[in-house]
C-alpha atoms as a PDB file:
ATOM      1  CA  MET A   1       0.290  -0.047   0.051  1.00  0.00           C
ATOM      2  CA  LYS A   2       1.353   3.357  -1.032  1.00  0.00           C
ATOM      3  CA  SER A   3       1.399   5.839   1.747  1.00  0.00           C
ATOM      4  CA  LEU A   4       2.764   9.502   1.582  1.00  0.00           C
ATOM      5  CA  ILE A   5       5.040  10.362   4.868  1.00  0.00           C
ATOM      6  CA  ILE A   6       5.664  13.817   5.926  1.00  0.00           C
ATOM      7  CA  TYR A   7       8.544  14.489   8.217  1.00  0.00           C
ATOM      8  CA  ASP A   8      10.775  17.263   9.869  1.00  0.00           C
ATOM      9  CA  ASP A   9      14.376  17.416  10.026  1.00  0.00           C
ATOM     10  CA  GLU A  10      15.117  14.320  13.042  1.00  0.00           C
ATOM     11  CA  GLY A  11      12.896  12.010  11.173  1.00  0.00           C
ATOM     12  CA  ASN A  12       9.809  12.505  13.526  1.00  0.00           C
ATOM     13  CA  ILE A  13       6.863  11.469  11.148  1.00  0.00           C
ATOM     14  CA  LEU A  14       3.961  13.925  11.297  1.00  0.00           C
ATOM     15  CA  ILE A  15       1.672  12.710   9.046  1.00  0.00           C
ATOM     16  CA  GLN A  16       1.071   9.450   7.413  1.00  0.00           C
ATOM     17  CA  LYS A  17      -1.705   9.055   4.757  1.00  0.00           C
ATOM     18  CA  SER A  18      -2.732   6.035   2.728  1.00  0.00           C
ATOM     19  CA  GLY A  19      -5.174   6.091  -0.075  1.00  0.00           C
ATOM     20  CA  THR A  20      -6.341   9.116  -1.628  1.00  0.00           C
ATOM     21  CA  TYR A  21      -3.960  12.271  -0.963  1.00  0.00           C
ATOM     22  CA  THR A  22      -2.857  15.611  -2.497  1.00  0.00           C
ATOM     23  CA  ILE A  23       1.007  15.842  -2.128  1.00  0.00           C
ATOM     24  CA  PRO A  24       2.005  19.011  -0.689  1.00  0.00           C
ATOM     25  CA  GLN A  25       4.884  21.379  -1.459  1.00  0.00           C
ATOM     26  CA  SER A  26       7.669  22.535  -0.033  1.00  0.00           C
ATOM     27  CA  VAL A  27       7.974  20.389   2.916  1.00  0.00           C
ATOM     28  CA  GLN A  28      10.218  16.982   3.212  1.00  0.00           C
ATOM     29  CA  LEU A  29       8.143  13.491   2.195  1.00  0.00           C
ATOM     30  CA  LEU A  30       8.802  10.512   0.894  1.00  0.00           C
ATOM     31  CA  GLU A  31       5.945   8.470  -0.866  1.00  0.00           C
ATOM     32  CA  ILE A  32       6.452   4.666   0.433  1.00  0.00           C
ATOM     33  CA  GLU A  33       5.431   1.266   0.005  1.00  0.00           C
ATOM     34  CA  ILE A  34       5.138   0.081   3.480  1.00  0.00           C
ATOM     35  CA  PRO A  35       5.868  -3.798   3.682  1.00  0.00           C
ATOM     36  CA  GLU A  36       3.080  -6.301   4.940  1.00  0.00           C
ATOM     37  CA  GLY A  37       3.885  -6.957   8.471  1.00  0.00           C
ATOM     38  CA  GLU A  38       5.846  -4.034   9.348  1.00  0.00           C
ATOM     39  CA  MET A  39       5.244  -0.526  10.510  1.00  0.00           C
ATOM     40  CA  LEU A  40       6.998   3.088   9.849  1.00  0.00           C
ATOM     41  CA  LYS A  41       9.354   3.857  12.805  1.00  0.00           C
ATOM     42  CA  GLY A  42      10.921   6.808  11.472  1.00  0.00           C
ATOM     43  CA  MET A  43      13.125   8.286   8.723  1.00  0.00           C
ATOM     44  CA  ASP A  44      16.708   8.367   8.568  1.00  0.00           C
ATOM     45  CA  THR A  45      17.587  12.184   7.976  1.00  0.00           C
ATOM     46  CA  THR A  46      21.423  11.526   8.415  1.00  0.00           C
ATOM     47  CA  VAL A  47      21.992   9.920   4.779  1.00  0.00           C
ATOM     48  CA  GLU A  48      20.998  11.745   1.472  1.00  0.00           C
ATOM     49  CA  PRO A  49      18.378  10.990   0.300  1.00  0.00           C
ATOM     50  CA  HIS A  50      16.579  10.079   3.804  1.00  0.00           C
ATOM     51  CA  VAL A  51      15.472   6.919   3.906  1.00  0.00           C
ATOM     52  CA  PRO A  52      12.622   5.112   5.991  1.00  0.00           C
ATOM     53  CA  VAL A  53      13.329   2.794   8.919  1.00  0.00           C
ATOM     54  CA  PHE A  54      10.935   0.043   9.652  1.00  0.00           C
ATOM     55  CA  ILE A  55      10.272  -2.104  12.317  1.00  0.00           C
ATOM     56  CA  SER A  56       8.072  -5.577  12.838  1.00  0.00           C
ATOM     57  CA  ALA A  57       4.331  -4.808  13.376  1.00  0.00           C
ATOM     58  CA  PRO A  58       3.223  -6.346  16.538  1.00  0.00           C
ATOM     59  CA  LYS A  59       1.070  -9.307  16.434  1.00  0.00           C
ATOM     60  CA  THR A  60      -2.798  -8.902  16.532  1.00  0.00           C
ATOM     61  CA  ASP A  61      -4.854 -10.713  19.416  1.00  0.00           C
ATOM     62  CA  ALA A  62      -6.384 -12.557  16.770  1.00  0.00           C
ATOM     63  CA  GLU A  63      -3.213 -13.554  15.310  1.00  0.00           C
ATOM     64  CA  ARG A  64      -1.556 -14.670  18.747  1.00  0.00           C
ATOM     65  CA  LEU A  65      -4.678 -16.652  19.570  1.00  0.00           C
ATOM     66  CA  THR A  66      -4.743 -18.588  16.202  1.00  0.00           C
ATOM     67  CA  GLU A  67      -0.742 -19.350  16.995  1.00  0.00           C
ATOM     68  CA  GLN A  68      -1.943 -20.608  20.603  1.00  0.00           C
ATOM     69  CA  GLU A  69      -4.683 -22.874  18.976  1.00  0.00           C
ATOM     70  CA  ARG A  70      -2.167 -24.226  16.353  1.00  0.00           C
ATOM     71  CA  GLU A  71       0.240 -25.030  19.186  1.00  0.00           C
ATOM     72  CA  LEU A  72      -2.635 -27.001  21.620  1.00  0.00           C
ATOM     73  CA  ALA A  73      -3.806 -29.020  18.430  1.00  0.00           C
ATOM     74  CA  ASP A  74      -0.210 -30.155  17.851  1.00  0.00           C
ATOM     75  CA  LEU A  75       0.342 -30.861  21.154  1.00  0.00           C
ATOM     76  CA  GLN A  76      -3.142 -32.813  21.555  1.00  0.00           C
ATOM     77  CA  TYR A  77      -2.099 -35.042  18.378  1.00  0.00           C
ATOM     78  CA  THR A  78       1.325 -35.603  19.914  1.00  0.00           C
ATOM     79  CA  LEU A  79      -0.380 -36.825  23.065  1.00  0.00           C
ATOM     80  CA  MET A  80      -2.406 -39.245  21.016  1.00  0.00           C
ATOM     81  CA  MET A  81       0.077 -40.569  18.798  1.00  0.00           C
ATOM     82  CA  GLY A  82       1.496 -41.586  21.939  1.00  0.00           C
ATOM     83  CA  GLY A  83      -1.206 -43.063  23.527  1.00  0.00           C
ATOM     84  CA  VAL A  84      -1.292 -40.871  26.564  1.00  0.00           C
ATOM     85  CA  ILE A  85      -5.145 -39.811  25.353  1.00  0.00           C
END
């Protein structure tokens, strides 16, 4: 998903817009593609051109629950195969 990022000289993100937007004039900005599963942490202004800094997005509650359900199902299968249940 393309996003418009407007940031200051220290790399602090002021505005992040996705979808329909107008590109403003006379401000520092970068139009980037944010990778799936990641989120924008800030902008590295120590290099030219400035580059985005990404971090992994935290898992949602639904993702954590699905992971726990999968682990429980694996445990149940292991116990069944071992003759415990």
